[in-house]
N, C-alpha and C. Protein backbone atom coordinates (compact mmCIF):
# COMPACT_ATOMS: atom_id res chain seq x y z
N MET A 1 162.90 -5.62 -52.79
CA MET A 1 164.15 -5.04 -53.28
C MET A 1 164.09 -3.52 -52.88
N ILE A 2 165.98 -3.48 -52.74
CA ILE A 2 166.00 -1.79 -51.75
C ILE A 2 167.10 -1.55 -52.80
N PHE A 3 167.19 -0.75 -53.29
CA PHE A 3 167.99 0.14 -54.89
C PHE A 3 168.70 1.46 -53.69
N GLU A 4 169.85 1.36 -54.28
CA GLU A 4 170.94 2.35 -53.52
C GLU A 4 170.01 4.35 -53.79
N THR A 5 170.43 5.21 -53.17
CA THR A 5 169.64 6.34 -53.76
C THR A 5 171.30 6.68 -54.74
N LYS A 6 170.45 7.90 -54.73
CA LYS A 6 171.88 8.19 -56.43
C LYS A 6 172.69 9.09 -55.87
N ARG A 7 173.59 9.20 -56.44
CA ARG A 7 175.05 9.35 -55.45
C ARG A 7 175.22 11.43 -55.48
N SER A 8 175.56 11.64 -54.49
CA SER A 8 175.77 13.03 -54.23
C SER A 8 176.48 13.87 -55.31
N GLU A 9 176.26 14.97 -55.67
CA GLU A 9 178.09 15.65 -56.07
C GLU A 9 179.14 14.68 -55.76
N LEU A 10 179.17 15.42 -54.16
CA LEU A 10 180.50 15.20 -53.60
C LEU A 10 181.40 13.91 -53.89
N GLU A 11 180.40 12.77 -53.88
CA GLU A 11 180.48 11.21 -53.85
C GLU A 11 180.87 11.43 -55.73
N ILE A 12 180.07 11.87 -56.20
CA ILE A 12 180.96 11.48 -57.65
C ILE A 12 182.31 12.83 -57.88
N VAL A 13 182.55 13.82 -57.19
CA VAL A 13 183.65 14.14 -57.12
C VAL A 13 185.05 13.49 -56.47
N GLU A 14 184.53 13.25 -55.30
CA GLU A 14 185.39 12.15 -54.01
C GLU A 14 186.29 11.02 -55.37
N GLU A 15 185.17 10.44 -56.34
CA GLU A 15 185.14 9.26 -57.18
C GLU A 15 185.91 9.87 -58.38
N LEU A 16 185.83 11.11 -59.05
CA LEU A 16 187.11 10.94 -59.93
C LEU A 16 188.33 11.21 -59.33
N LEU A 17 188.07 12.36 -58.31
CA LEU A 17 189.30 12.22 -57.87
C LEU A 17 190.37 11.07 -57.41
N SER A 18 189.76 10.54 -57.02
CA SER A 18 190.30 8.63 -56.59
C SER A 18 191.03 8.13 -57.34
N LEU A 19 190.07 8.37 -58.77
CA LEU A 19 189.45 7.60 -60.21
C LEU A 19 191.96 8.46 -60.58
N ALA A 20 191.96 9.53 -60.36
CA ALA A 20 192.44 10.42 -61.09
C ALA A 20 194.29 10.37 -59.99
N ARG A 21 193.57 9.22 -59.57
CA ARG A 21 195.06 9.15 -58.54
C ARG A 21 196.69 8.36 -59.67
N GLU A 22 196.87 7.58 -60.47
CA GLU A 22 197.51 7.57 -61.49
C GLU A 22 196.76 8.50 -62.49
N GLU A 23 197.80 8.82 -63.03
CA GLU A 23 197.14 9.31 -64.14
C GLU A 23 196.64 8.54 -65.18
N THR A 24 195.66 9.13 -65.86
CA THR A 24 194.65 8.60 -66.95
C THR A 24 193.73 9.19 -67.56
N LYS A 25 193.63 8.40 -69.02
CA LYS A 25 193.12 9.30 -69.85
C LYS A 25 190.99 10.04 -69.82
N LYS A 26 190.79 10.80 -70.55
CA LYS A 26 189.26 11.27 -70.06
C LYS A 26 188.41 9.83 -70.33
N THR A 27 188.44 9.49 -71.64
CA THR A 27 186.89 8.45 -71.85
C THR A 27 187.51 7.17 -70.17
N TRP A 28 188.96 6.94 -70.21
CA TRP A 28 188.74 5.62 -69.19
C TRP A 28 187.45 6.60 -67.82
N LEU A 29 187.89 7.87 -67.37
CA LEU A 29 187.52 8.66 -66.10
C LEU A 29 186.15 8.56 -66.30
N MET A 30 185.43 8.93 -67.63
CA MET A 30 184.17 8.45 -67.52
C MET A 30 183.54 7.14 -67.39
N TYR A 31 183.68 6.55 -68.29
CA TYR A 31 183.04 4.91 -68.23
C TYR A 31 183.40 5.14 -66.33
N GLN A 32 184.12 4.99 -65.72
CA GLN A 32 184.74 4.48 -64.71
C GLN A 32 183.53 4.63 -63.59
N THR A 33 183.30 5.99 -63.34
CA THR A 33 182.71 7.24 -62.92
C THR A 33 180.88 6.27 -63.44
N ASN A 34 180.74 6.02 -64.89
CA ASN A 34 179.60 5.94 -65.18
C ASN A 34 178.14 7.25 -65.78
N LEU A 35 179.06 8.49 -66.15
CA LEU A 35 178.83 9.77 -65.61
C LEU A 35 178.51 9.47 -67.56
N CYS A 36 176.76 10.83 -68.26
CA CYS A 36 177.03 10.59 -69.60
C CYS A 36 178.22 11.76 -69.84
N TYR A 37 178.56 11.91 -71.23
CA TYR A 37 179.70 13.27 -71.63
C TYR A 37 179.20 14.41 -70.82
N SER A 38 178.28 14.78 -71.15
CA SER A 38 178.00 15.85 -70.59
C SER A 38 177.82 16.46 -69.43
N GLN A 39 177.77 15.64 -68.73
CA GLN A 39 177.56 15.50 -66.96
C GLN A 39 179.11 15.99 -66.77
N PHE A 40 179.92 14.36 -67.63
CA PHE A 40 181.61 14.29 -67.31
C PHE A 40 181.70 15.58 -67.19
N VAL A 41 181.56 16.01 -68.72
CA VAL A 41 182.41 17.65 -68.56
C VAL A 41 182.53 18.25 -67.80
N LEU A 42 181.16 18.99 -67.00
CA LEU A 42 180.59 19.88 -65.88
C LEU A 42 181.81 19.83 -64.61
N TYR A 43 181.91 17.93 -64.65
CA TYR A 43 182.45 17.56 -63.26
C TYR A 43 184.49 17.85 -63.68
N LEU A 44 184.59 17.52 -64.95
CA LEU A 44 186.16 17.55 -65.50
C LEU A 44 186.53 19.35 -64.63
N ASN A 45 185.51 20.21 -65.99
CA ASN A 45 185.55 21.82 -65.95
C ASN A 45 186.03 21.62 -64.87
N PHE A 46 184.61 21.46 -63.46
CA PHE A 46 185.05 22.34 -62.62
C PHE A 46 186.39 21.78 -61.50
N LEU A 47 186.71 20.41 -61.60
CA LEU A 47 188.28 19.92 -61.39
C LEU A 47 189.60 20.87 -61.71
N LEU A 48 189.34 21.24 -62.98
CA LEU A 48 190.23 21.82 -63.30
C LEU A 48 190.63 23.16 -63.39
N GLU A 49 189.22 23.74 -63.08
CA GLU A 49 189.24 25.46 -62.86
C GLU A 49 189.44 25.49 -61.62
N LYS A 50 189.17 24.41 -60.79
CA LYS A 50 189.64 24.48 -58.79
C LYS A 50 191.14 24.17 -58.43
N LYS A 51 191.44 23.23 -59.87
CA LYS A 51 192.90 23.43 -60.13
C LYS A 51 192.93 21.83 -58.31
N PHE A 52 191.90 21.06 -58.95
CA PHE A 52 192.25 19.73 -58.10
C PHE A 52 192.41 18.99 -59.08
N LEU A 53 192.50 19.05 -60.30
CA LEU A 53 192.60 18.09 -61.36
C LEU A 53 194.26 18.77 -62.60
N GLU A 54 194.69 18.33 -62.65
CA GLU A 54 196.19 18.79 -63.64
C GLU A 54 195.34 17.74 -65.15
N ALA A 55 195.85 19.05 -66.56
CA ALA A 55 196.04 17.86 -67.71
C ALA A 55 197.18 17.64 -68.11
N HIS A 56 197.66 16.78 -68.74
CA HIS A 56 199.06 16.54 -69.11
C HIS A 56 199.37 16.53 -70.76
N ASN A 57 199.45 17.27 -71.48
CA ASN A 57 199.23 16.69 -73.43
C ASN A 57 200.32 16.18 -73.02
N GLY A 58 200.39 15.84 -74.68
CA GLY A 58 201.74 14.68 -74.86
C GLY A 58 201.73 13.44 -75.60
N THR A 59 201.02 12.92 -74.96
CA THR A 59 200.81 11.36 -75.59
C THR A 59 201.03 11.13 -76.73
N ALA A 60 201.80 9.97 -76.90
CA ALA A 60 202.03 9.19 -78.74
C ALA A 60 200.50 9.79 -79.46
N ASN A 61 199.58 9.83 -78.69
CA ASN A 61 198.50 10.18 -80.05
C ASN A 61 197.55 11.36 -79.93
N GLY A 62 198.84 12.06 -78.87
CA GLY A 62 197.88 13.72 -78.61
C GLY A 62 197.15 13.64 -77.46
N THR A 63 196.54 12.30 -77.18
CA THR A 63 195.20 12.66 -76.17
C THR A 63 196.27 13.10 -74.64
N SER A 64 194.75 13.77 -74.32
CA SER A 64 195.28 14.24 -73.00
C SER A 64 195.52 12.80 -71.77
N THR A 65 196.01 13.13 -70.32
CA THR A 65 195.70 12.23 -69.60
C THR A 65 195.65 13.45 -68.29
N TYR A 66 194.53 12.59 -67.66
CA TYR A 66 194.95 13.75 -66.04
C TYR A 66 195.07 12.79 -64.91
N LYS A 67 195.84 13.97 -63.97
CA LYS A 67 195.88 13.57 -62.34
C LYS A 67 195.80 13.98 -61.06
N ILE A 68 195.92 13.99 -59.90
CA ILE A 68 195.06 14.45 -59.52
C ILE A 68 196.49 15.73 -58.52
N THR A 69 195.92 16.72 -58.58
CA THR A 69 197.11 17.74 -58.17
C THR A 69 197.24 17.51 -56.57
N ASN A 70 198.40 18.19 -55.84
CA ASN A 70 198.52 17.97 -54.65
C ASN A 70 197.09 18.95 -53.51
N LYS A 71 196.73 19.98 -54.24
CA LYS A 71 195.27 20.72 -53.51
C LYS A 71 194.50 19.36 -54.10
N GLY A 72 194.44 18.78 -55.41
CA GLY A 72 193.07 18.00 -55.16
C GLY A 72 192.92 16.44 -54.28
N LYS A 73 193.96 16.49 -53.54
CA LYS A 73 194.65 15.37 -52.66
C LYS A 73 194.08 15.58 -51.37
N GLN A 74 194.33 16.99 -50.83
CA GLN A 74 194.30 17.68 -49.15
C GLN A 74 192.27 17.38 -50.02
N PHE A 75 192.20 18.02 -50.86
CA PHE A 75 190.30 18.15 -50.68
C PHE A 75 189.65 16.64 -50.90
N LEU A 76 190.80 15.58 -51.65
CA LEU A 76 190.07 14.43 -50.86
C LEU A 76 190.37 13.73 -50.18
N ASP A 77 190.66 13.88 -49.30
CA ASP A 77 191.19 13.82 -47.97
C ASP A 77 190.34 14.09 -47.25
N SER A 78 189.75 15.65 -47.85
CA SER A 78 188.82 16.03 -46.51
C SER A 78 187.34 15.96 -46.82
N ILE A 79 187.24 15.21 -48.51
CA ILE A 79 186.35 15.27 -48.82
C ILE A 79 185.75 13.22 -47.86
N ASP A 80 186.92 12.79 -47.99
CA ASP A 80 186.78 11.27 -47.31
C ASP A 80 186.41 11.24 -45.60
N THR A 81 186.34 12.14 -45.69
CA THR A 81 186.29 12.61 -43.89
C THR A 81 185.53 12.77 -43.80
N VAL A 82 184.30 13.72 -44.75
CA VAL A 82 182.92 13.97 -44.17
C VAL A 82 181.58 12.63 -45.23
N LEU A 83 182.73 13.03 -45.71
CA LEU A 83 181.31 10.87 -46.20
C LEU A 83 181.46 10.00 -45.45
N LEU A 84 182.94 9.63 -44.06
CA LEU A 84 182.30 8.79 -43.29
C LEU A 84 181.53 9.26 -42.31
N GLN A 85 181.93 10.58 -41.95
CA GLN A 85 180.68 10.85 -41.00
C GLN A 85 179.53 11.20 -41.68
N ALA A 86 178.90 10.61 -41.96
CA ALA A 86 177.69 10.98 -42.69
C ALA A 86 177.34 10.14 -42.77
N LYS A 87 177.52 9.10 -43.01
CA LYS A 87 177.47 7.44 -43.03
C LYS A 87 177.00 7.02 -41.12
């Protein structure tokens, strides 16, 4: 039986940005990327700090949602190119 290797940090960032093409909640992003909360918060804060993601406040229940920025889309395109070349 062959086991897949762990994801690289770049692959996790790529997955988060891809999932955030549509405005989405933090919990959904965390579950979809299969990260524990502490890891997820590190990645989320990095992406927000670098302005690859933006937070949107104001849903009915006060929950923030997140969406990729134009800068994030450009970075995602670059990541996709790098990951394709690495395979």
